[in-house]
PDB file of N, CA and C in Angstrom:
ATOM      1  N   MET A   1      10.167  39.471 -44.721  1.00  0.00           N
ATOM      2  CA  MET A   1      10.951  38.942 -45.816  1.00  0.00           C
ATOM      3  C   MET A   1      10.247  37.717 -46.379  1.00  0.00           C
ATOM      4  N   THR A   2      10.119  37.647 -47.687  1.00  0.00           N
ATOM      5  CA  THR A   2       9.477  36.537 -48.358  1.00  0.00           C
ATOM      6  C   THR A   2      10.493  35.433 -48.604  1.00  0.00           C
ATOM      7  N   LEU A   3      10.078  34.209 -48.311  1.00  0.00           N
ATOM      8  CA  LEU A   3      10.930  33.052 -48.541  1.00  0.00           C
ATOM      9  C   LEU A   3      10.776  32.560 -49.970  1.00  0.00           C
ATOM     10  N   SER A   4      11.854  32.076 -50.556  1.00  0.00           N
ATOM     11  CA  SER A   4      11.743  31.415 -51.853  1.00  0.00           C
ATOM     12  C   SER A   4      11.078  30.064 -51.637  1.00  0.00           C
ATOM     13  N   SER A   5      10.497  29.529 -52.677  1.00  0.00           N
ATOM     14  CA  SER A   5       9.849  28.228 -52.539  1.00  0.00           C
ATOM     15  C   SER A   5      10.865  27.150 -52.168  1.00  0.00           C
ATOM     16  N   GLN A   6      12.077  27.252 -52.677  1.00  0.00           N
ATOM     17  CA  GLN A   6      13.112  26.265 -52.345  1.00  0.00           C
ATOM     18  C   GLN A   6      13.492  26.345 -50.867  1.00  0.00           C
ATOM     19  N   ALA A   7      13.666  27.552 -50.351  1.00  0.00           N
ATOM     20  CA  ALA A   7      13.997  27.714 -48.929  1.00  0.00           C
ATOM     21  C   ALA A   7      12.852  27.210 -48.057  1.00  0.00           C
ATOM     22  N   ALA A   8      11.611  27.513 -48.460  1.00  0.00           N
ATOM     23  CA  ALA A   8      10.449  27.057 -47.699  1.00  0.00           C
ATOM     24  C   ALA A   8      10.371  25.535 -47.689  1.00  0.00           C
ATOM     25  N   GLU A   9      10.596  24.918 -48.831  1.00  0.00           N
ATOM     26  CA  GLU A   9      10.554  23.460 -48.910  1.00  0.00           C
ATOM     27  C   GLU A   9      11.644  22.827 -48.055  1.00  0.00           C
ATOM     28  N   THR A  10      12.816  23.430 -48.014  1.00  0.00           N
ATOM     29  CA  THR A  10      13.907  22.900 -47.198  1.00  0.00           C
ATOM     30  C   THR A  10      13.550  22.933 -45.716  1.00  0.00           C
ATOM     31  N   ILE A  11      13.008  24.045 -45.259  1.00  0.00           N
ATOM     32  CA  ILE A  11      12.613  24.153 -43.850  1.00  0.00           C
ATOM     33  C   ILE A  11      11.454  23.204 -43.546  1.00  0.00           C
ATOM     34  N   ALA A  12      10.491  23.119 -44.457  1.00  0.00           N
ATOM     35  CA  ALA A  12       9.357  22.207 -44.256  1.00  0.00           C
ATOM     36  C   ALA A  12       9.823  20.758 -44.215  1.00  0.00           C
ATOM     37  N   LEU A  13      10.809  20.414 -45.018  1.00  0.00           N
ATOM     38  CA  LEU A  13      11.362  19.058 -44.992  1.00  0.00           C
ATOM     39  C   LEU A  13      12.045  18.780 -43.660  1.00  0.00           C
ATOM     40  N   ARG A  14      12.701  19.773 -43.099  1.00  0.00           N
ATOM     41  CA  ARG A  14      13.297  19.627 -41.766  1.00  0.00           C
ATOM     42  C   ARG A  14      12.205  19.413 -40.721  1.00  0.00           C
ATOM     43  N   ALA A  15      11.082  20.131 -40.862  1.00  0.00           N
ATOM     44  CA  ALA A  15       9.955  19.952 -39.940  1.00  0.00           C
ATOM     45  C   ALA A  15       9.375  18.554 -40.078  1.00  0.00           C
ATOM     46  N   LEU A  16       9.281  18.046 -41.299  1.00  0.00           N
ATOM     47  CA  LEU A  16       8.820  16.672 -41.513  1.00  0.00           C
ATOM     48  C   LEU A  16       9.770  15.691 -40.838  1.00  0.00           C
ATOM     49  N   GLY A  17      11.068  15.921 -40.966  1.00  0.00           N
ATOM     50  CA  GLY A  17      12.048  15.063 -40.296  1.00  0.00           C
ATOM     51  C   GLY A  17      11.862  15.068 -38.788  1.00  0.00           C
ATOM     52  N   TRP A  18      11.594  16.246 -38.235  1.00  0.00           N
ATOM     53  CA  TRP A  18      11.336  16.334 -36.791  1.00  0.00           C
ATOM     54  C   TRP A  18      10.078  15.554 -36.437  1.00  0.00           C
ATOM     55  N   LEU A  19       9.025  15.709 -37.245  1.00  0.00           N
ATOM     56  CA  LEU A  19       7.775  15.015 -36.979  1.00  0.00           C
ATOM     57  C   LEU A  19       7.952  13.501 -37.040  1.00  0.00           C
ATOM     58  N   VAL A  20       8.672  13.026 -38.027  1.00  0.00           N
ATOM     59  CA  VAL A  20       8.906  11.586 -38.170  1.00  0.00           C
ATOM     60  C   VAL A  20       9.673  11.039 -36.970  1.00  0.00           C
ATOM     61  N   GLY A  21      10.540  11.839 -36.400  1.00  0.00           N
ATOM     62  CA  GLY A  21      11.300  11.418 -35.232  1.00  0.00           C
ATOM     63  C   GLY A  21      10.551  11.546 -33.917  1.00  0.00           C
ATOM     64  N   ASN A  22       9.335  12.078 -33.967  1.00  0.00           N
ATOM     65  CA  ASN A  22       8.545  12.264 -32.752  1.00  0.00           C
ATOM     66  C   ASN A  22       7.563  11.108 -32.614  1.00  0.00           C
ATOM     67  N   ASP A  23       7.914  10.146 -31.770  1.00  0.00           N
ATOM     68  CA  ASP A  23       7.119   8.923 -31.624  1.00  0.00           C
ATOM     69  C   ASP A  23       5.712   9.171 -31.089  1.00  0.00           C
ATOM     70  N   ASP A  24       5.507  10.260 -30.368  1.00  0.00           N
ATOM     71  CA  ASP A  24       4.176  10.559 -29.838  1.00  0.00           C
ATOM     72  C   ASP A  24       3.297  11.271 -30.860  1.00  0.00           C
ATOM     73  N   LEU A  25       3.874  12.157 -31.635  1.00  0.00           N
ATOM     74  CA  LEU A  25       3.094  13.000 -32.531  1.00  0.00           C
ATOM     75  C   LEU A  25       2.896  12.403 -33.921  1.00  0.00           C
ATOM     76  N   LEU A  26       3.844  11.616 -34.396  1.00  0.00           N
ATOM     77  CA  LEU A  26       3.729  11.046 -35.740  1.00  0.00           C
ATOM     78  C   LEU A  26       2.447  10.229 -35.912  1.00  0.00           C
ATOM     79  N   PRO A  27       2.090   9.350 -34.962  1.00  0.00           N
ATOM     80  CA  PRO A  27       0.842   8.600 -35.144  1.00  0.00           C
ATOM     81  C   PRO A  27      -0.397   9.503 -35.166  1.00  0.00           C
ATOM     82  N   VAL A  28      -0.355  10.608 -34.453  1.00  0.00           N
ATOM     83  CA  VAL A  28      -1.471  11.557 -34.473  1.00  0.00           C
ATOM     84  C   VAL A  28      -1.587  12.163 -35.878  1.00  0.00           C
ATOM     85  N   PHE A  29      -0.467  12.573 -36.446  1.00  0.00           N
ATOM     86  CA  PHE A  29      -0.458  13.123 -37.804  1.00  0.00           C
ATOM     87  C   PHE A  29      -0.965  12.095 -38.802  1.00  0.00           C
ATOM     88  N   MET A  30      -0.454  10.890 -38.709  1.00  0.00           N
ATOM     89  CA  MET A  30      -0.854   9.855 -39.662  1.00  0.00           C
ATOM     90  C   MET A  30      -2.347   9.531 -39.529  1.00  0.00           C
ATOM     91  N   GLY A  31      -2.853   9.494 -38.317  1.00  0.00           N
ATOM     92  CA  GLY A  31      -4.273   9.240 -38.109  1.00  0.00           C
ATOM     93  C   GLY A  31      -5.142  10.375 -38.601  1.00  0.00           C
ATOM     94  N   ALA A  32      -4.685  11.600 -38.398  1.00  0.00           N
ATOM     95  CA  ALA A  32      -5.472  12.771 -38.808  1.00  0.00           C
ATOM     96  C   ALA A  32      -5.499  12.952 -40.320  1.00  0.00           C
ATOM     97  N   THR A  33      -4.413  12.579 -40.988  1.00  0.00           N
ATOM     98  CA  THR A  33      -4.314  12.807 -42.427  1.00  0.00           C
ATOM     99  C   THR A  33      -4.588  11.568 -43.262  1.00  0.00           C
ATOM    100  N   GLY A  34      -4.465  10.395 -42.649  1.00  0.00           N
ATOM    101  CA  GLY A  34      -4.666   9.156 -43.388  1.00  0.00           C
ATOM    102  C   GLY A  34      -3.454   8.711 -44.182  1.00  0.00           C
ATOM    103  N   VAL A  35      -2.320   9.373 -44.029  1.00  0.00           N
ATOM    104  CA  VAL A  35      -1.114   8.946 -44.743  1.00  0.00           C
ATOM    105  C   VAL A  35      -0.462   7.783 -43.998  1.00  0.00           C
ATOM    106  N   CYS A  36       0.249   6.966 -44.745  1.00  0.00           N
ATOM    107  CA  CYS A  36       1.006   5.869 -44.149  1.00  0.00           C
ATOM    108  C   CYS A  36       2.488   6.163 -44.324  1.00  0.00           C
ATOM    109  N   ALA A  37       3.316   5.325 -43.752  1.00  0.00           N
ATOM    110  CA  ALA A  37       4.763   5.537 -43.818  1.00  0.00           C
ATOM    111  C   ALA A  37       5.252   5.576 -45.262  1.00  0.00           C
ATOM    112  N   ASP A  38       4.703   4.720 -46.120  1.00  0.00           N
ATOM    113  CA  ASP A  38       5.109   4.722 -47.528  1.00  0.00           C
ATOM    114  C   ASP A  38       4.749   6.036 -48.209  1.00  0.00           C
ATOM    115  N   ASP A  39       3.566   6.584 -47.877  1.00  0.00           N
ATOM    116  CA  ASP A  39       3.170   7.885 -48.440  1.00  0.00           C
ATOM    117  C   ASP A  39       4.175   8.958 -48.057  1.00  0.00           C
ATOM    118  N   LEU A  40       4.587   8.940 -46.795  1.00  0.00           N
ATOM    119  CA  LEU A  40       5.552   9.939 -46.330  1.00  0.00           C
ATOM    120  C   LEU A  40       6.869   9.816 -47.089  1.00  0.00           C
ATOM    121  N   LYS A  41       7.334   8.588 -47.271  1.00  0.00           N
ATOM    122  CA  LYS A  41       8.600   8.382 -47.987  1.00  0.00           C
ATOM    123  C   LYS A  41       8.503   8.816 -49.438  1.00  0.00           C
ATOM    124  N   GLN A  42       7.417   8.419 -50.096  1.00  0.00           N
ATOM    125  CA  GLN A  42       7.262   8.701 -51.525  1.00  0.00           C
ATOM    126  C   GLN A  42       7.001  10.173 -51.811  1.00  0.00           C
ATOM    127  N   ASN A  43       6.370  10.863 -50.884  1.00  0.00           N
ATOM    128  CA  ASN A  43       5.957  12.248 -51.129  1.00  0.00           C
ATOM    129  C   ASN A  43       6.667  13.264 -50.239  1.00  0.00           C
ATOM    130  N   ALA A  44       7.765  12.885 -49.646  1.00  0.00           N
ATOM    131  CA  ALA A  44       8.449  13.756 -48.683  1.00  0.00           C
ATOM    132  C   ALA A  44       8.842  15.104 -49.270  1.00  0.00           C
ATOM    133  N   THR A  45       9.137  15.154 -50.544  1.00  0.00           N
ATOM    134  CA  THR A  45       9.553  16.424 -51.146  1.00  0.00           C
ATOM    135  C   THR A  45       8.426  17.116 -51.908  1.00  0.00           C
ATOM    136  N   ASP A  46       7.235  16.558 -51.877  1.00  0.00           N
ATOM    137  CA  ASP A  46       6.085  17.158 -52.548  1.00  0.00           C
ATOM    138  C   ASP A  46       5.636  18.388 -51.748  1.00  0.00           C
ATOM    139  N   PRO A  47       5.604  19.559 -52.377  1.00  0.00           N
ATOM    140  CA  PRO A  47       5.203  20.768 -51.647  1.00  0.00           C
ATOM    141  C   PRO A  47       3.821  20.662 -50.997  1.00  0.00           C
ATOM    142  N   ASP A  48       2.906  19.931 -51.624  1.00  0.00           N
ATOM    143  CA  ASP A  48       1.582  19.761 -51.019  1.00  0.00           C
ATOM    144  C   ASP A  48       1.654  18.935 -49.739  1.00  0.00           C
ATOM    145  N   MET A  49       2.461  17.894 -49.733  1.00  0.00           N
ATOM    146  CA  MET A  49       2.644  17.078 -48.529  1.00  0.00           C
ATOM    147  C   MET A  49       3.303  17.913 -47.437  1.00  0.00           C
ATOM    148  N   LEU A  50       4.308  18.679 -47.815  1.00  0.00           N
ATOM    149  CA  LEU A  50       4.995  19.527 -46.834  1.00  0.00           C
ATOM    150  C   LEU A  50       4.032  20.567 -46.262  1.00  0.00           C
ATOM    151  N   GLY A  51       3.155  21.085 -47.102  1.00  0.00           N
ATOM    152  CA  GLY A  51       2.141  22.013 -46.613  1.00  0.00           C
ATOM    153  C   GLY A  51       1.215  21.349 -45.608  1.00  0.00           C
ATOM    154  N   SER A  52       0.868  20.104 -45.860  1.00  0.00           N
ATOM    155  CA  SER A  52       0.015  19.356 -44.925  1.00  0.00           C
ATOM    156  C   SER A  52       0.698  19.153 -43.586  1.00  0.00           C
ATOM    157  N   VAL A  53       1.987  18.886 -43.627  1.00  0.00           N
ATOM    158  CA  VAL A  53       2.759  18.731 -42.386  1.00  0.00           C
ATOM    159  C   VAL A  53       2.709  20.025 -41.587  1.00  0.00           C
ATOM    160  N   LEU A  54       2.938  21.136 -42.267  1.00  0.00           N
ATOM    161  CA  LEU A  54       2.929  22.425 -41.572  1.00  0.00           C
ATOM    162  C   LEU A  54       1.530  22.789 -41.090  1.00  0.00           C
ATOM    163  N   ASP A  55       0.518  22.509 -41.894  1.00  0.00           N
ATOM    164  CA  ASP A  55      -0.856  22.762 -41.446  1.00  0.00           C
ATOM    165  C   ASP A  55      -1.122  22.015 -40.145  1.00  0.00           C
ATOM    166  N   PHE A  56      -0.680  20.786 -40.073  1.00  0.00           N
ATOM    167  CA  PHE A  56      -0.873  19.980 -38.876  1.00  0.00           C
ATOM    168  C   PHE A  56      -0.122  20.583 -37.687  1.00  0.00           C
ATOM    169  N   LEU A  57       1.154  20.884 -37.866  1.00  0.00           N
ATOM    170  CA  LEU A  57       1.951  21.422 -36.761  1.00  0.00           C
ATOM    171  C   LEU A  57       1.415  22.766 -36.278  1.00  0.00           C
ATOM    172  N   LEU A  58       0.885  23.554 -37.196  1.00  0.00           N
ATOM    173  CA  LEU A  58       0.386  24.884 -36.840  1.00  0.00           C
ATOM    174  C   LEU A  58      -0.927  24.846 -36.068  1.00  0.00           C
ATOM    175  N   MET A  59      -1.492  23.678 -35.890  1.00  0.00           N
ATOM    176  CA  MET A  59      -2.743  23.556 -35.133  1.00  0.00           C
ATOM    177  C   MET A  59      -2.541  23.679 -33.629  1.00  0.00           C
ATOM    178  N   ASP A  60      -1.312  23.524 -33.152  1.00  0.00           N
ATOM    179  CA  ASP A  60      -1.091  23.506 -31.709  1.00  0.00           C
ATOM    180  C   ASP A  60       0.185  24.282 -31.371  1.00  0.00           C
ATOM    181  N   ASP A  61       0.055  25.264 -30.494  1.00  0.00           N
ATOM    182  CA  ASP A  61       1.215  26.076 -30.113  1.00  0.00           C
ATOM    183  C   ASP A  61       2.339  25.232 -29.532  1.00  0.00           C
ATOM    184  N   ALA A  62       2.000  24.217 -28.764  1.00  0.00           N
ATOM    185  CA  ALA A  62       3.034  23.361 -28.160  1.00  0.00           C
ATOM    186  C   ALA A  62       3.835  22.644 -29.237  1.00  0.00           C
ATOM    187  N   TRP A  63       3.181  22.227 -30.314  1.00  0.00           N
ATOM    188  CA  TRP A  63       3.888  21.554 -31.410  1.00  0.00           C
ATOM    189  C   TRP A  63       4.795  22.530 -32.141  1.00  0.00           C
ATOM    190  N   ILE A  64       4.312  23.751 -32.334  1.00  0.00           N
ATOM    191  CA  ILE A  64       5.130  24.783 -32.984  1.00  0.00           C
ATOM    192  C   ILE A  64       6.376  25.054 -32.150  1.00  0.00           C
ATOM    193  N   ILE A  65       6.177  25.240 -30.872  1.00  0.00           N
ATOM    194  CA  ILE A  65       7.299  25.542 -29.980  1.00  0.00           C
ATOM    195  C   ILE A  65       8.301  24.397 -29.970  1.00  0.00           C
ATOM    196  N   ALA A  66       7.823  23.172 -29.856  1.00  0.00           N
ATOM    197  CA  ALA A  66       8.723  22.011 -29.805  1.00  0.00           C
ATOM    198  C   ALA A  66       9.507  21.864 -31.103  1.00  0.00           C
ATOM    199  N   CYS A  67       8.823  21.987 -32.228  1.00  0.00           N
ATOM    200  CA  CYS A  67       9.493  21.843 -33.523  1.00  0.00           C
ATOM    201  C   CYS A  67      10.506  22.959 -33.742  1.00  0.00           C
ATOM    202  N   CYS A  68      10.089  24.193 -33.524  1.00  0.00           N
ATOM    203  CA  CYS A  68      10.986  25.331 -33.742  1.00  0.00           C
ATOM    204  C   CYS A  68      12.176  25.309 -32.796  1.00  0.00           C
ATOM    205  N   THR A  69      11.945  24.894 -31.572  1.00  0.00           N
ATOM    206  CA  THR A  69      13.049  24.786 -30.613  1.00  0.00           C
ATOM    207  C   THR A  69      14.049  23.742 -31.092  1.00  0.00           C
ATOM    208  N   ALA A  70      13.550  22.597 -31.498  1.00  0.00           N
ATOM    209  CA  ALA A  70      14.435  21.518 -31.965  1.00  0.00           C
ATOM    210  C   ALA A  70      15.200  21.920 -33.227  1.00  0.00           C
ATOM    211  N   LEU A  71      14.547  22.666 -34.115  1.00  0.00           N
ATOM    212  CA  LEU A  71      15.177  23.066 -35.371  1.00  0.00           C
ATOM    213  C   LEU A  71      15.900  24.403 -35.283  1.00  0.00           C
ATOM    214  N   GLU A  72      15.860  25.002 -34.087  1.00  0.00           N
ATOM    215  CA  GLU A  72      16.496  26.298 -33.842  1.00  0.00           C
ATOM    216  C   GLU A  72      15.977  27.364 -34.807  1.00  0.00           C
ATOM    217  N   LEU A  73      14.647  27.456 -34.868  1.00  0.00           N
ATOM    218  CA  LEU A  73      13.971  28.440 -35.707  1.00  0.00           C
ATOM    219  C   LEU A  73      13.152  29.374 -34.824  1.00  0.00           C
ATOM    220  N   PRO A  74      12.965  30.607 -35.242  1.00  0.00           N
ATOM    221  CA  PRO A  74      12.039  31.478 -34.506  1.00  0.00           C
ATOM    222  C   PRO A  74      10.625  30.895 -34.626  1.00  0.00           C
ATOM    223  N   TYR A  75       9.811  31.112 -33.612  1.00  0.00           N
ATOM    224  CA  TYR A  75       8.481  30.498 -33.566  1.00  0.00           C
ATOM    225  C   TYR A  75       7.591  30.899 -34.742  1.00  0.00           C
ATOM    226  N   GLU A  76       7.768  32.075 -35.268  1.00  0.00           N
ATOM    227  CA  GLU A  76       6.920  32.519 -36.371  1.00  0.00           C
ATOM    228  C   GLU A  76       7.347  31.946 -37.724  1.00  0.00           C
ATOM    229  N   LYS A  77       8.480  31.272 -37.783  1.00  0.00           N
ATOM    230  CA  LYS A  77       9.026  30.793 -39.048  1.00  0.00           C
ATOM    231  C   LYS A  77       8.132  29.767 -39.737  1.00  0.00           C
ATOM    232  N   LEU A  78       7.509  28.856 -38.977  1.00  0.00           N
ATOM    233  CA  LEU A  78       6.677  27.841 -39.615  1.00  0.00           C
ATOM    234  C   LEU A  78       5.499  28.467 -40.356  1.00  0.00           C
ATOM    235  N   MET A  79       4.928  29.523 -39.808  1.00  0.00           N
ATOM    236  CA  MET A  79       3.828  30.202 -40.493  1.00  0.00           C
ATOM    237  C   MET A  79       4.342  30.872 -41.772  1.00  0.00           C
ATOM    238  N   GLN A  80       5.515  31.453 -41.723  1.00  0.00           N
ATOM    239  CA  GLN A  80       6.106  32.077 -42.909  1.00  0.00           C
ATOM    240  C   GLN A  80       6.395  31.027 -43.977  1.00  0.00           C
ATOM    241  N   VAL A  81       6.908  29.884 -43.545  1.00  0.00           N
ATOM    242  CA  VAL A  81       7.200  28.796 -44.479  1.00  0.00           C
ATOM    243  C   VAL A  81       5.897  28.305 -45.110  1.00  0.00           C
ATOM    244  N   ARG A  82       4.861  28.140 -44.290  1.00  0.00           N
ATOM    245  CA  ARG A  82       3.579  27.667 -44.820  1.00  0.00           C
ATOM    246  C   ARG A  82       3.036  28.628 -45.861  1.00  0.00           C
ATOM    247  N   ALA A  83       3.188  29.901 -45.626  1.00  0.00           N
ATOM    248  CA  ALA A  83       2.687  30.907 -46.575  1.00  0.00           C
ATOM    249  C   ALA A  83       3.412  30.838 -47.918  1.00  0.00           C
ATOM    250  N   ALA A  84       4.641  30.344 -47.925  1.00  0.00           N
ATOM    251  CA  ALA A  84       5.441  30.272 -49.146  1.00  0.00           C
ATOM    252  C   ALA A  84       5.197  28.993 -49.945  1.00  0.00           C
ATOM    253  N   LEU A  85       4.456  28.053 -49.369  1.00  0.00           N
ATOM    254  CA  LEU A  85       4.158  26.793 -50.056  1.00  0.00           C
ATOM    255  C   LEU A  85       2.782  26.870 -50.709  1.00  0.00           C
ATOM    256  N   PRO A  86       2.514  26.001 -51.689  1.00  0.00           N
ATOM    257  CA  PRO A  86       1.195  26.005 -52.342  1.00  0.00           C
ATOM    258  C   PRO A  86       0.056  25.872 -51.328  1.00  0.00           C
ATOM    259  N   GLY A  87      -0.962  26.702 -51.495  1.00  0.00           N
ATOM    260  CA  GLY A  87      -2.124  26.664 -50.625  1.00  0.00           C
ATOM    261  C   GLY A  87      -1.952  27.424 -49.321  1.00  0.00           C
ATOM    262  N   GLY A  88      -0.815  28.042 -49.121  1.00  0.00           N
ATOM    263  CA  GLY A  88      -0.548  28.727 -47.865  1.00  0.00           C
ATOM    264  C   GLY A  88      -0.891  30.197 -47.842  1.00  0.00           C
ATOM    265  N   GLN A  89      -1.380  30.702 -48.953  1.00  0.00           N
ATOM    266  CA  GLN A  89      -1.703  32.117 -49.027  1.00  0.00           C
ATOM    267  C   GLN A  89      -2.908  32.413 -48.153  1.00  0.00           C
ATOM    268  N   GLN A  90      -2.835  33.522 -47.449  1.00  0.00           N
ATOM    269  CA  GLN A  90      -3.941  33.959 -46.604  1.00  0.00           C
ATOM    270  C   GLN A  90      -5.083  34.430 -47.497  1.00  0.00           C
ATOM    271  N   GLN A  91      -6.295  34.050 -47.144  1.00  0.00           N
ATOM    272  CA  GLN A  91      -7.471  34.495 -47.869  1.00  0.00           C
ATOM    273  C   GLN A  91      -7.935  35.825 -47.310  1.00  0.00           C
ATOM    274  N   HIS A  92      -8.168  36.776 -48.176  1.00  0.00           N
ATOM    275  CA  HIS A  92      -8.708  38.071 -47.774  1.00  0.00           C
ATOM    276  C   HIS A  92     -10.120  38.169 -48.334  1.00  0.00           C
ATOM    277  N   TRP A  93     -11.104  38.212 -47.451  1.00  0.00           N
ATOM    278  CA  TRP A  93     -12.499  38.175 -47.864  1.00  0.00           C
ATOM    279  C   TRP A  93     -13.114  39.567 -47.973  1.00  0.00           C
ATOM    280  N   THR A  94     -12.329  40.589 -47.703  1.00  0.00           N
ATOM    281  CA  THR A  94     -12.891  41.946 -47.791  1.00  0.00           C
ATOM    282  C   THR A  94     -12.267  42.698 -48.942  1.00  0.00           C
TER     283      THR A  94
END
């Protein structure tokens, strides 16, 4: 099932909220992306920022599991949400 962009943004915003509340992981995200707290506040609803959050979380299975468990989402949902946001389309090279 394909997610609407609005539904994807809502779930991604929930994932951002989870990330912001994670005192161990938030500094890793901020260091890896170079964003500061003000950037997060100002761009929280920007689909590109939300895509960056999901790209980061999707790098580690433990982060996916922790986020999805906390948000009561199936584990594959974050990948589906990422695909529905700008830049999330899978590249087919053949």
